[in-house]
């Protein structure tokens, strides 16, 4: 059976799909609504469709909601390089400009949330606020792994397994990307895994990982994050993001998240700007925006509405 075409990620809905050139690559986006820009950044192992609940809700609330397939994912370009923190932040900054906005509210889950923290530090003039869903500040995660190897270190064990060459890609895509379903099941709260929606979520994300190039690109994020810590680019990255953001940060975290511990999310507060907040959702795992979409979307909408004026 041939692998899925990248265009298979363009799931139909009330949103419009288009391609945008930013930072030297082509990025696929789905957008809906008019108003201040809210840029939605997905995590692993997902693609833009993870924000299907938030896109129409934010558009109805008066925002221009744009969900992007990050570099290497979905129907966006999958170049052999550029999976370092500097380039990924440049992708987001370039996308804000390419969309014709001067500033954007960044909403990110997991990897996308850590990227939002990064862009807030590196490109502060382009950021109106940051919402981090199941996403600690990158330095908080790094410190928690080092200081608590039996807690956050064990929770992040997959990060170290992904450092091997080739084998992780094969494991991720074997048997129709069955491992993706295993990750979603292991990382989610029990209520969601028993819901009718869960099977569709697993099916679509398995297909998205099988798109040629996606598995390798997705794992390159993890490889740079770990290996760069022993190099000068990793030290420069840490210095660049080790500053308190100028904008408010909303953190939304699942109490049952087995990947990012609540204590690691709490420790991220030292980098959050004024008027920031942390909300922990009971019974929810690593995917609050999907497991509890109404609550998460309400928190985001209220947070955006309480911040500074239009971007």
C-alpha atoms as a PDB file:
ATOM      1  CA  UNK A   1       0.000   0.000   0.000  1.00  0.00           C
ATOM      2  CA  UNK A   2       1.553   3.346  -1.026  1.00  0.00           C
ATOM      3  CA  UNK A   3       2.250   5.950   1.670  1.00  0.00           C
ATOM      4  CA  UNK A   4      -0.236   8.826   2.031  1.00  0.00           C
ATOM      5  CA  UNK A   5       0.226  11.888  -0.129  1.00  0.00           C
ATOM      6  CA  UNK A   6       1.141  15.032   1.846  1.00  0.00           C
ATOM      7  CA  UNK A   7      -2.079  16.651   0.622  1.00  0.00           C
ATOM      8  CA  UNK A   8      -4.011  14.099   2.704  1.00  0.00           C
ATOM      9  CA  UNK A   9      -3.358  16.358   5.689  1.00  0.00           C
ATOM     10  CA  UNK A  10      -5.672  18.995   4.194  1.00  0.00           C
ATOM     11  CA  UNK A  11      -8.723  17.774   6.078  1.00  0.00           C
ATOM     12  CA  UNK A  12     -11.846  19.597   4.850  1.00  0.00           C
ATOM     13  CA  UNK A  13     -13.851  21.800   7.192  1.00  0.00           C
ATOM     14  CA  UNK A  14     -15.013  25.394   7.664  1.00  0.00           C
ATOM     15  CA  UNK A  15     -11.401  26.563   7.373  1.00  0.00           C
ATOM     16  CA  UNK A  16      -9.472  27.452   4.206  1.00  0.00           C
ATOM     17  CA  UNK A  17      -6.197  25.772   3.253  1.00  0.00           C
ATOM     18  CA  UNK A  18      -3.312  27.593   1.610  1.00  0.00           C
ATOM     19  CA  UNK A  19       0.461  27.666   1.336  1.00  0.00           C
ATOM     20  CA  UNK A  20       2.609  30.461   2.746  1.00  0.00           C
ATOM     21  CA  UNK A  21       6.289  31.111   2.062  1.00  0.00           C
ATOM     22  CA  UNK A  22       8.231  31.928   5.226  1.00  0.00           C
ATOM     23  CA  UNK A  23      11.882  31.709   6.244  1.00  0.00           C
ATOM     24  CA  UNK A  24      12.824  30.094   2.941  1.00  0.00           C
ATOM     25  CA  UNK A  25      10.309  27.218   3.018  1.00  0.00           C
ATOM     26  CA  UNK A  26       6.658  26.578   2.162  1.00  0.00           C
ATOM     27  CA  UNK A  27       4.308  26.114   5.099  1.00  0.00           C
ATOM     28  CA  UNK A  28       0.765  24.769   4.830  1.00  0.00           C
ATOM     29  CA  UNK A  29      -1.835  26.529   6.975  1.00  0.00           C
ATOM     30  CA  UNK A  30      -5.545  26.212   7.701  1.00  0.00           C
ATOM     31  CA  UNK A  31      -7.216  29.487   8.626  1.00  0.00           C
ATOM     32  CA  UNK A  32     -10.594  30.790   9.679  1.00  0.00           C
ATOM     33  CA  UNK A  33     -11.947  34.144  10.834  1.00  0.00           C
ATOM     34  CA  UNK A  34     -10.914  37.784  10.832  1.00  0.00           C
ATOM     35  CA  UNK A  35      -9.309  39.909  13.510  1.00  0.00           C
ATOM     36  CA  UNK A  36      -6.100  39.768  15.553  1.00  0.00           C
ATOM     37  CA  UNK A  37      -3.920  36.830  14.512  1.00  0.00           C
ATOM     38  CA  UNK A  38      -3.832  33.712  16.686  1.00  0.00           C
ATOM     39  CA  UNK A  39      -1.188  31.306  15.415  1.00  0.00           C
ATOM     40  CA  UNK A  40      -1.673  27.692  16.512  1.00  0.00           C
ATOM     41  CA  UNK A  41       1.405  25.430  16.712  1.00  0.00           C
ATOM     42  CA  UNK A  42       0.976  21.659  17.055  1.00  0.00           C
ATOM     43  CA  UNK A  43       3.089  19.127  18.897  1.00  0.00           C
ATOM     44  CA  UNK A  44       4.342  15.560  18.348  1.00  0.00           C
ATOM     45  CA  UNK A  45       3.049  13.293  16.834  1.00  0.00           C
ATOM     46  CA  UNK A  46       0.372  15.578  15.385  1.00  0.00           C
ATOM     47  CA  UNK A  47      -0.307  18.038  12.584  1.00  0.00           C
ATOM     48  CA  UNK A  48      -2.417  21.202  12.218  1.00  0.00           C
ATOM     49  CA  UNK A  49      -5.698  19.251  12.613  1.00  0.00           C
ATOM     50  CA  UNK A  50      -5.050  18.967  16.351  1.00  0.00           C
ATOM     51  CA  UNK A  51      -6.593  22.474  16.587  1.00  0.00           C
ATOM     52  CA  UNK A  52      -9.883  21.556  14.853  1.00  0.00           C
ATOM     53  CA  UNK A  53     -11.897  22.496  17.959  1.00  0.00           C
ATOM     54  CA  UNK A  54     -10.134  25.806  18.546  1.00  0.00           C
ATOM     55  CA  UNK A  55     -10.157  27.141  14.955  1.00  0.00           C
ATOM     56  CA  UNK A  56     -13.936  27.764  14.678  1.00  0.00           C
ATOM     57  CA  UNK A  57     -14.275  28.812  18.320  1.00  0.00           C
ATOM     58  CA  UNK A  58     -11.529  31.438  18.081  1.00  0.00           C
ATOM     59  CA  UNK A  59     -12.886  32.680  14.746  1.00  0.00           C
ATOM     60  CA  UNK A  60     -16.320  33.100  16.327  1.00  0.00           C
ATOM     61  CA  UNK A  61     -14.680  35.009  19.188  1.00  0.00           C
ATOM     62  CA  UNK A  62     -13.343  37.570  16.714  1.00  0.00           C
ATOM     63  CA  UNK A  63      -9.874  36.289  15.885  1.00  0.00           C
ATOM     64  CA  UNK A  64      -8.074  35.210  12.740  1.00  0.00           C
ATOM     65  CA  UNK A  65      -7.142  31.675  13.743  1.00  0.00           C
ATOM     66  CA  UNK A  66      -4.356  30.036  11.732  1.00  0.00           C
ATOM     67  CA  UNK A  67      -3.117  26.488  12.365  1.00  0.00           C
ATOM     68  CA  UNK A  68       0.153  25.555  10.662  1.00  0.00           C
ATOM     69  CA  UNK A  69       1.876  22.322   9.762  1.00  0.00           C
ATOM     70  CA  UNK A  70       5.302  22.973  11.257  1.00  0.00           C
ATOM     71  CA  UNK A  71       8.483  22.363   9.261  1.00  0.00           C
ATOM     72  CA  UNK A  72       8.681  18.680   8.389  1.00  0.00           C
ATOM     73  CA  UNK A  73       5.038  17.893   9.110  1.00  0.00           C
ATOM     74  CA  UNK A  74       1.841  17.449   7.108  1.00  0.00           C
ATOM     75  CA  UNK A  75       1.815  19.262   3.782  1.00  0.00           C
ATOM     76  CA  UNK A  76       4.616  21.689   4.696  1.00  0.00           C
ATOM     77  CA  UNK A  77       8.118  21.389   3.268  1.00  0.00           C
ATOM     78  CA  UNK A  78      10.421  18.754   4.750  1.00  0.00           C
ATOM     79  CA  UNK A  79      13.962  20.015   4.131  1.00  0.00           C
ATOM     80  CA  UNK A  80      16.925  17.942   5.345  1.00  0.00           C
ATOM     81  CA  UNK A  81      17.981  20.661   7.806  1.00  0.00           C
ATOM     82  CA  UNK A  82      16.541  23.405   9.943  1.00  0.00           C
ATOM     83  CA  UNK A  83      15.195  21.512  12.957  1.00  0.00           C
ATOM     84  CA  UNK A  84      17.169  23.587  15.450  1.00  0.00           C
ATOM     85  CA  UNK A  85      15.555  26.045  17.832  1.00  0.00           C
ATOM     86  CA  UNK A  86      16.844  29.118  16.009  1.00  0.00           C
ATOM     87  CA  UNK A  87      15.504  28.104  12.601  1.00  0.00           C
ATOM     88  CA  UNK A  88      12.165  26.864  13.938  1.00  0.00           C
ATOM     89  CA  UNK A  89      11.657  30.167  15.755  1.00  0.00           C
ATOM     90  CA  UNK A  90      12.522  31.915  12.494  1.00  0.00           C
ATOM     91  CA  UNK A  91       9.830  29.870  10.737  1.00  0.00           C
ATOM     92  CA  UNK A  92       7.176  31.145  13.138  1.00  0.00           C
ATOM     93  CA  UNK A  93       8.440  34.725  13.064  1.00  0.00           C
ATOM     94  CA  UNK A  94       8.543  34.640   9.275  1.00  0.00           C
ATOM     95  CA  UNK A  95       5.044  33.179   9.135  1.00  0.00           C
ATOM     96  CA  UNK A  96       3.616  35.993  11.265  1.00  0.00           C
ATOM     97  CA  UNK A  97       5.065  38.516   8.821  1.00  0.00           C
ATOM     98  CA  UNK A  98       4.028  36.510   5.746  1.00  0.00           C
ATOM     99  CA  UNK A  99       0.455  36.447   7.023  1.00  0.00           C
ATOM    100  CA  UNK A 100       0.495  40.244   6.977  1.00  0.00           C
ATOM    101  CA  UNK A 101       0.406  40.735  10.761  1.00  0.00           C
ATOM    102  CA  UNK A 102       2.660  42.867  12.909  1.00  0.00           C
ATOM    103  CA  UNK A 103       2.074  40.713  16.011  1.00  0.00           C
ATOM    104  CA  UNK A 104       0.394  37.423  16.880  1.00  0.00           C
ATOM    105  CA  UNK A 105      -0.940  35.539  19.856  1.00  0.00           C
ATOM    106  CA  UNK A 106       0.973  32.239  19.880  1.00  0.00           C
ATOM    107  CA  UNK A 107      -0.812  29.106  21.067  1.00  0.00           C
ATOM    108  CA  UNK A 108       1.248  25.932  21.109  1.00  0.00           C
ATOM    109  CA  UNK A 109       0.939  22.359  22.312  1.00  0.00           C
ATOM    110  CA  UNK A 110       3.979  20.381  23.515  1.00  0.00           C
ATOM    111  CA  UNK A 111       6.741  21.046  20.949  1.00  0.00           C
ATOM    112  CA  UNK A 112       4.627  23.867  19.536  1.00  0.00           C
ATOM    113  CA  UNK A 113       4.281  25.357  22.996  1.00  0.00           C
ATOM    114  CA  UNK A 114       8.012  25.220  23.674  1.00  0.00           C
ATOM    115  CA  UNK A 115       8.460  26.891  20.306  1.00  0.00           C
ATOM    116  CA  UNK A 116       6.017  29.621  21.376  1.00  0.00           C
ATOM    117  CA  UNK A 117       8.118  30.227  24.512  1.00  0.00           C
ATOM    118  CA  UNK A 118      11.188  30.441  22.261  1.00  0.00           C
ATOM    119  CA  UNK A 119       9.673  32.900  19.784  1.00  0.00           C
ATOM    120  CA  UNK A 120       8.470  35.041  22.679  1.00  0.00           C
ATOM    121  CA  UNK A 121      12.077  35.372  23.849  1.00  0.00           C
ATOM    122  CA  UNK A 122      13.798  35.677  20.474  1.00  0.00           C
ATOM    123  CA  UNK A 123      11.242  37.759  18.573  1.00  0.00           C
ATOM    124  CA  UNK A 124       9.362  39.679  21.289  1.00  0.00           C
ATOM    125  CA  UNK A 125       8.124  42.445  18.983  1.00  0.00           C
ATOM    126  CA  UNK A 126       6.097  39.900  17.010  1.00  0.00           C
ATOM    127  CA  UNK A 127       4.349  38.318  20.005  1.00  0.00           C
ATOM    128  CA  UNK A 128       1.252  39.606  21.813  1.00  0.00           C
ATOM    129  CA  UNK A 129       0.887  36.654  24.186  1.00  0.00           C
ATOM    130  CA  UNK A 130       1.894  33.021  24.626  1.00  0.00           C
ATOM    131  CA  UNK A 131      -0.381  30.111  25.479  1.00  0.00           C
ATOM    132  CA  UNK A 132       1.525  26.926  26.326  1.00  0.00           C
ATOM    133  CA  UNK A 133      -0.599  23.764  26.382  1.00  0.00           C
ATOM    134  CA  UNK A 134       1.216  20.851  28.042  1.00  0.00           C
ATOM    135  CA  UNK A 135       4.391  22.737  27.213  1.00  0.00           C
ATOM    136  CA  UNK A 136       7.045  23.789  29.726  1.00  0.00           C
ATOM    137  CA  UNK A 137       9.662  26.407  29.070  1.00  0.00           C
ATOM    138  CA  UNK A 138      12.542  24.566  27.332  1.00  0.00           C
ATOM    139  CA  UNK A 139      14.977  25.420  30.140  1.00  0.00           C
ATOM    140  CA  UNK A 140      12.514  24.271  32.798  1.00  0.00           C
ATOM    141  CA  UNK A 141      12.270  20.916  31.058  1.00  0.00           C
ATOM    142  CA  UNK A 142      16.040  20.648  30.683  1.00  0.00           C
ATOM    143  CA  UNK A 143      16.634  21.424  34.363  1.00  0.00           C
ATOM    144  CA  UNK A 144      13.880  19.085  35.553  1.00  0.00           C
ATOM    145  CA  UNK A 145      15.353  16.170  33.595  1.00  0.00           C
ATOM    146  CA  UNK A 146      18.800  16.806  35.099  1.00  0.00           C
ATOM    147  CA  UNK A 147      17.638  17.399  38.669  1.00  0.00           C
ATOM    148  CA  UNK A 148      14.919  14.751  38.802  1.00  0.00           C
ATOM    149  CA  UNK A 149      16.034  11.847  36.590  1.00  0.00           C
ATOM    150  CA  UNK A 150      13.626   9.416  38.249  1.00  0.00           C
ATOM    151  CA  UNK A 151      10.670  11.724  37.744  1.00  0.00           C
ATOM    152  CA  UNK A 152      10.837  14.097  34.753  1.00  0.00           C
ATOM    153  CA  UNK A 153      13.795  12.178  33.339  1.00  0.00           C
ATOM    154  CA  UNK A 154      11.789   8.953  33.322  1.00  0.00           C
ATOM    155  CA  UNK A 155       8.750  10.772  31.897  1.00  0.00           C
ATOM    156  CA  UNK A 156      10.972  12.004  29.047  1.00  0.00           C
ATOM    157  CA  UNK A 157      12.509   8.609  28.292  1.00  0.00           C
ATOM    158  CA  UNK A 158      11.202   8.699  24.714  1.00  0.00           C
ATOM    159  CA  UNK A 159      13.371  11.773  24.065  1.00  0.00           C
ATOM    160  CA  UNK A 160      16.504   9.685  24.631  1.00  0.00           C
ATOM    161  CA  UNK A 161      15.225   6.680  22.683  1.00  0.00           C
ATOM    162  CA  UNK A 162      14.734   8.974  19.702  1.00  0.00           C
ATOM    163  CA  UNK A 163      18.461   9.792  19.592  1.00  0.00           C
ATOM    164  CA  UNK A 164      19.320   6.526  17.829  1.00  0.00           C
ATOM    165  CA  UNK A 165      19.739   6.723  14.039  1.00  0.00           C
ATOM    166  CA  UNK A 166      17.091   5.154  11.767  1.00  0.00           C
ATOM    167  CA  UNK A 167      15.607   2.719  14.300  1.00  0.00           C
ATOM    168  CA  UNK A 168      13.170   5.239  15.821  1.00  0.00           C
ATOM    169  CA  UNK A 169      11.826   6.122  12.350  1.00  0.00           C
ATOM    170  CA  UNK A 170      11.256   2.451  11.583  1.00  0.00           C
ATOM    171  CA  UNK A 171       9.601   1.887  14.932  1.00  0.00           C
ATOM    172  CA  UNK A 172       7.341   4.888  14.487  1.00  0.00           C
ATOM    173  CA  UNK A 173       6.128   3.869  11.025  1.00  0.00           C
ATOM    174  CA  UNK A 174       6.028   0.072  11.391  1.00  0.00           C
ATOM    175  CA  UNK A 175       2.631  -1.636  11.014  1.00  0.00           C
ATOM    176  CA  UNK A 176       0.924   1.473   9.686  1.00  0.00           C
ATOM    177  CA  UNK A 177       2.375   3.688  12.427  1.00  0.00           C
ATOM    178  CA  UNK A 178       0.814   1.587  15.170  1.00  0.00           C
ATOM    179  CA  UNK A 179       3.277   3.169  17.608  1.00  0.00           C
ATOM    180  CA  UNK A 180       1.497   6.506  17.171  1.00  0.00           C
ATOM    181  CA  UNK A 181      -1.686   4.955  18.513  1.00  0.00           C
ATOM    182  CA  UNK A 182       0.316   3.575  21.413  1.00  0.00           C
ATOM    183  CA  UNK A 183       1.695   7.014  22.242  1.00  0.00           C
ATOM    184  CA  UNK A 184      -1.732   8.643  22.172  1.00  0.00           C
ATOM    185  CA  UNK A 185      -3.148   5.916  24.410  1.00  0.00           C
ATOM    186  CA  UNK A 186      -0.264   6.076  26.896  1.00  0.00           C
ATOM    187  CA  UNK A 187      -0.150   9.866  27.039  1.00  0.00           C
ATOM    188  CA  UNK A 188      -3.904  10.598  27.260  1.00  0.00           C
ATOM    189  CA  UNK A 189      -6.338  10.596  30.147  1.00  0.00           C
ATOM    190  CA  UNK A 190      -8.598   7.499  30.416  1.00  0.00           C
ATOM    191  CA  UNK A 191     -11.819   9.396  29.761  1.00  0.00           C
ATOM    192  CA  UNK A 192     -10.676  10.553  26.329  1.00  0.00           C
ATOM    193  CA  UNK A 193      -9.270   7.205  25.214  1.00  0.00           C
ATOM    194  CA  UNK A 194     -12.744   5.730  25.809  1.00  0.00           C
ATOM    195  CA  UNK A 195     -14.503   8.448  23.778  1.00  0.00           C
ATOM    196  CA  UNK A 196     -15.897   7.943  20.240  1.00  0.00           C
ATOM    197  CA  UNK A 197     -13.564  10.654  18.912  1.00  0.00           C
ATOM    198  CA  UNK A 198     -10.367   8.927  19.995  1.00  0.00           C
ATOM    199  CA  UNK A 199     -10.294   6.314  17.229  1.00  0.00           C
ATOM    200  CA  UNK A 200     -10.526   9.006  14.553  1.00  0.00           C
ATOM    201  CA  UNK A 201      -7.743  11.010  16.211  1.00  0.00           C
ATOM    202  CA  UNK A 202      -5.461   7.972  16.217  1.00  0.00           C
ATOM    203  CA  UNK A 203      -6.333   7.098  12.608  1.00  0.00           C
ATOM    204  CA  UNK A 204      -5.630  10.591  11.270  1.00  0.00           C
ATOM    205  CA  UNK A 205      -2.386  11.018  13.181  1.00  0.00           C
ATOM    206  CA  UNK A 206      -1.143   7.584  12.146  1.00  0.00           C
ATOM    207  CA  UNK A 207      -1.746   8.582   8.534  1.00  0.00           C
ATOM    208  CA  UNK A 208       0.003  11.920   9.045  1.00  0.00           C
ATOM    209  CA  UNK A 209       3.162  10.247  10.388  1.00  0.00           C
ATOM    210  CA  UNK A 210       3.231   7.894   7.384  1.00  0.00           C
ATOM    211  CA  UNK A 211       3.555  10.813   4.953  1.00  0.00           C
ATOM    212  CA  UNK A 212       7.068  10.449   3.486  1.00  0.00           C
ATOM    213  CA  UNK A 213       9.636  12.420   5.450  1.00  0.00           C
ATOM    214  CA  UNK A 214       7.462  13.231   8.451  1.00  0.00           C
ATOM    215  CA  UNK A 215       8.802  10.593  10.860  1.00  0.00           C
ATOM    216  CA  UNK A 216      12.406  11.576  10.239  1.00  0.00           C
ATOM    217  CA  UNK A 217      11.696  15.311  10.412  1.00  0.00           C
ATOM    218  CA  UNK A 218       9.708  14.981  13.632  1.00  0.00           C
ATOM    219  CA  UNK A 219      12.507  13.051  15.310  1.00  0.00           C
ATOM    220  CA  UNK A 220      15.101  15.603  14.214  1.00  0.00           C
ATOM    221  CA  UNK A 221      13.461  18.121  16.602  1.00  0.00           C
ATOM    222  CA  UNK A 222      14.345  15.817  19.503  1.00  0.00           C
ATOM    223  CA  UNK A 223      17.819  15.039  18.206  1.00  0.00           C
ATOM    224  CA  UNK A 224      18.843  18.656  17.957  1.00  0.00           C
ATOM    225  CA  UNK A 225      17.373  19.459  21.380  1.00  0.00           C
ATOM    226  CA  UNK A 226      19.520  16.817  23.085  1.00  0.00           C
ATOM    227  CA  UNK A 227      22.707  16.831  21.020  1.00  0.00           C
ATOM    228  CA  UNK A 228      23.011  20.619  20.885  1.00  0.00           C
ATOM    229  CA  UNK A 229      23.447  20.766  24.662  1.00  0.00           C
ATOM    230  CA  UNK A 230      27.002  19.557  24.150  1.00  0.00           C
ATOM    231  CA  UNK A 231      27.726  22.131  21.442  1.00  0.00           C
ATOM    232  CA  UNK A 232      28.122  25.882  21.197  1.00  0.00           C
ATOM    233  CA  UNK A 233      24.790  26.319  19.367  1.00  0.00           C
ATOM    234  CA  UNK A 234      23.002  24.736  22.313  1.00  0.00           C
ATOM    235  CA  UNK A 235      24.679  27.119  24.746  1.00  0.00           C
ATOM    236  CA  UNK A 236      23.786  30.091  22.548  1.00  0.00           C
ATOM    237  CA  UNK A 237      20.191  28.889  22.366  1.00  0.00           C
ATOM    238  CA  UNK A 238      19.943  28.573  26.147  1.00  0.00           C
ATOM    239  CA  UNK A 239      21.333  32.089  26.584  1.00  0.00           C
ATOM    240  CA  UNK A 240      18.902  33.489  24.015  1.00  0.00           C
ATOM    241  CA  UNK A 241      15.792  32.125  25.739  1.00  0.00           C
ATOM    242  CA  UNK A 242      16.867  32.561  29.358  1.00  0.00           C
ATOM    243  CA  UNK A 243      14.879  35.737  29.890  1.00  0.00           C
ATOM    244  CA  UNK A 244      11.489  36.617  31.268  1.00  0.00           C
ATOM    245  CA  UNK A 245       8.979  37.199  28.503  1.00  0.00           C
ATOM    246  CA  UNK A 246       7.554  40.672  28.039  1.00  0.00           C
ATOM    247  CA  UNK A 247       4.039  39.301  27.444  1.00  0.00           C
ATOM    248  CA  UNK A 248       1.600  37.295  29.567  1.00  0.00           C
ATOM    249  CA  UNK A 249       1.714  33.508  29.378  1.00  0.00           C
ATOM    250  CA  UNK A 250      -1.213  31.157  29.847  1.00  0.00           C
ATOM    251  CA  UNK A 251      -0.243  27.609  30.771  1.00  0.00           C
ATOM    252  CA  UNK A 252      -2.865  24.882  30.420  1.00  0.00           C
ATOM    253  CA  UNK A 253      -1.791  21.547  31.841  1.00  0.00           C
ATOM    254  CA  UNK A 254      -3.349  18.142  32.371  1.00  0.00           C
ATOM    255  CA  UNK A 255      -3.148  16.788  35.905  1.00  0.00           C
ATOM    256  CA  UNK A 256      -2.564  13.292  34.482  1.00  0.00           C
ATOM    257  CA  UNK A 257       0.064  14.332  31.934  1.00  0.00           C
ATOM    258  CA  UNK A 258       2.705  11.556  32.027  1.00  0.00           C
ATOM    259  CA  UNK A 259       5.081  13.350  29.644  1.00  0.00           C
ATOM    260  CA  UNK A 260       5.451  16.783  31.252  1.00  0.00           C
ATOM    261  CA  UNK A 261       5.001  16.673  35.013  1.00  0.00           C
ATOM    262  CA  UNK A 262       2.976  19.371  36.728  1.00  0.00           C
ATOM    263  CA  UNK A 263       6.011  20.405  38.758  1.00  0.00           C
ATOM    264  CA  UNK A 264       7.919  21.099  35.531  1.00  0.00           C
ATOM    265  CA  UNK A 265       5.087  23.251  34.228  1.00  0.00           C
ATOM    266  CA  UNK A 266       4.989  25.157  37.514  1.00  0.00           C
ATOM    267  CA  UNK A 267       8.746  25.753  37.385  1.00  0.00           C
ATOM    268  CA  UNK A 268       8.270  27.464  34.010  1.00  0.00           C
ATOM    269  CA  UNK A 269       6.597  30.406  35.727  1.00  0.00           C
ATOM    270  CA  UNK A 270       9.899  32.181  36.301  1.00  0.00           C
ATOM    271  CA  UNK A 271      10.082  32.913  32.555  1.00  0.00           C
ATOM    272  CA  UNK A 272       6.455  34.038  32.210  1.00  0.00           C
ATOM    273  CA  UNK A 273       5.613  37.714  31.771  1.00  0.00           C
ATOM    274  CA  UNK A 274       3.245  39.829  33.879  1.00  0.00           C
ATOM    275  CA  UNK A 275      -0.374  38.748  34.364  1.00  0.00           C
ATOM    276  CA  UNK A 276       0.426  35.123  33.565  1.00  0.00           C
ATOM    277  CA  UNK A 277      -1.565  32.127  34.798  1.00  0.00           C
ATOM    278  CA  UNK A 278      -1.367  28.351  35.132  1.00  0.00           C
ATOM    279  CA  UNK A 279      -4.490  26.172  34.964  1.00  0.00           C
ATOM    280  CA  UNK A 280      -4.299  22.450  35.740  1.00  0.00           C
ATOM    281  CA  UNK A 281      -7.193  20.370  34.389  1.00  0.00           C
ATOM    282  CA  UNK A 282      -8.183  17.297  36.452  1.00  0.00           C
ATOM    283  CA  UNK A 283      -8.548  13.973  34.659  1.00  0.00           C
ATOM    284  CA  UNK A 284      -6.706  15.254  31.589  1.00  0.00           C
ATOM    285  CA  UNK A 285      -3.473  13.912  30.109  1.00  0.00           C
ATOM    286  CA  UNK A 286      -1.014  15.332  27.595  1.00  0.00           C
ATOM    287  CA  UNK A 287      -3.590  16.684  25.124  1.00  0.00           C
ATOM    288  CA  UNK A 288      -5.823  19.204  26.972  1.00  0.00           C
ATOM    289  CA  UNK A 289      -6.929  20.974  23.780  1.00  0.00           C
ATOM    290  CA  UNK A 290      -8.308  17.671  22.470  1.00  0.00           C
ATOM    291  CA  UNK A 291      -9.254  15.879  25.683  1.00  0.00           C
ATOM    292  CA  UNK A 292     -11.095  18.866  27.167  1.00  0.00           C
ATOM    293  CA  UNK A 293     -11.608  21.186  24.185  1.00  0.00           C
ATOM    294  CA  UNK A 294     -14.418  23.328  25.629  1.00  0.00           C
ATOM    295  CA  UNK A 295     -12.563  24.122  28.835  1.00  0.00           C
ATOM    296  CA  UNK A 296      -9.260  24.702  27.076  1.00  0.00           C
ATOM    297  CA  UNK A 297     -10.799  26.910  24.395  1.00  0.00           C
ATOM    298  CA  UNK A 298     -12.671  28.925  27.010  1.00  0.00           C
ATOM    299  CA  UNK A 299      -9.459  29.488  28.956  1.00  0.00           C
ATOM    300  CA  UNK A 300      -7.668  30.616  25.790  1.00  0.00           C
ATOM    301  CA  UNK A 301     -10.487  32.930  24.690  1.00  0.00           C
ATOM    302  CA  UNK A 302     -10.783  34.559  28.116  1.00  0.00           C
ATOM    303  CA  UNK A 303      -7.023  34.939  28.329  1.00  0.00           C
ATOM    304  CA  UNK A 304      -6.793  36.591  24.908  1.00  0.00           C
ATOM    305  CA  UNK A 305      -9.722  38.853  25.722  1.00  0.00           C
ATOM    306  CA  UNK A 306      -8.123  40.059  28.944  1.00  0.00           C
ATOM    307  CA  UNK A 307      -4.820  40.977  27.356  1.00  0.00           C
ATOM    308  CA  UNK A 308      -3.677  44.045  25.409  1.00  0.00           C
ATOM    309  CA  UNK A 309      -5.649  45.417  22.482  1.00  0.00           C
ATOM    310  CA  UNK A 310      -5.739  44.037  18.921  1.00  0.00           C
ATOM    311  CA  UNK A 311      -2.481  42.810  17.468  1.00  0.00           C
END
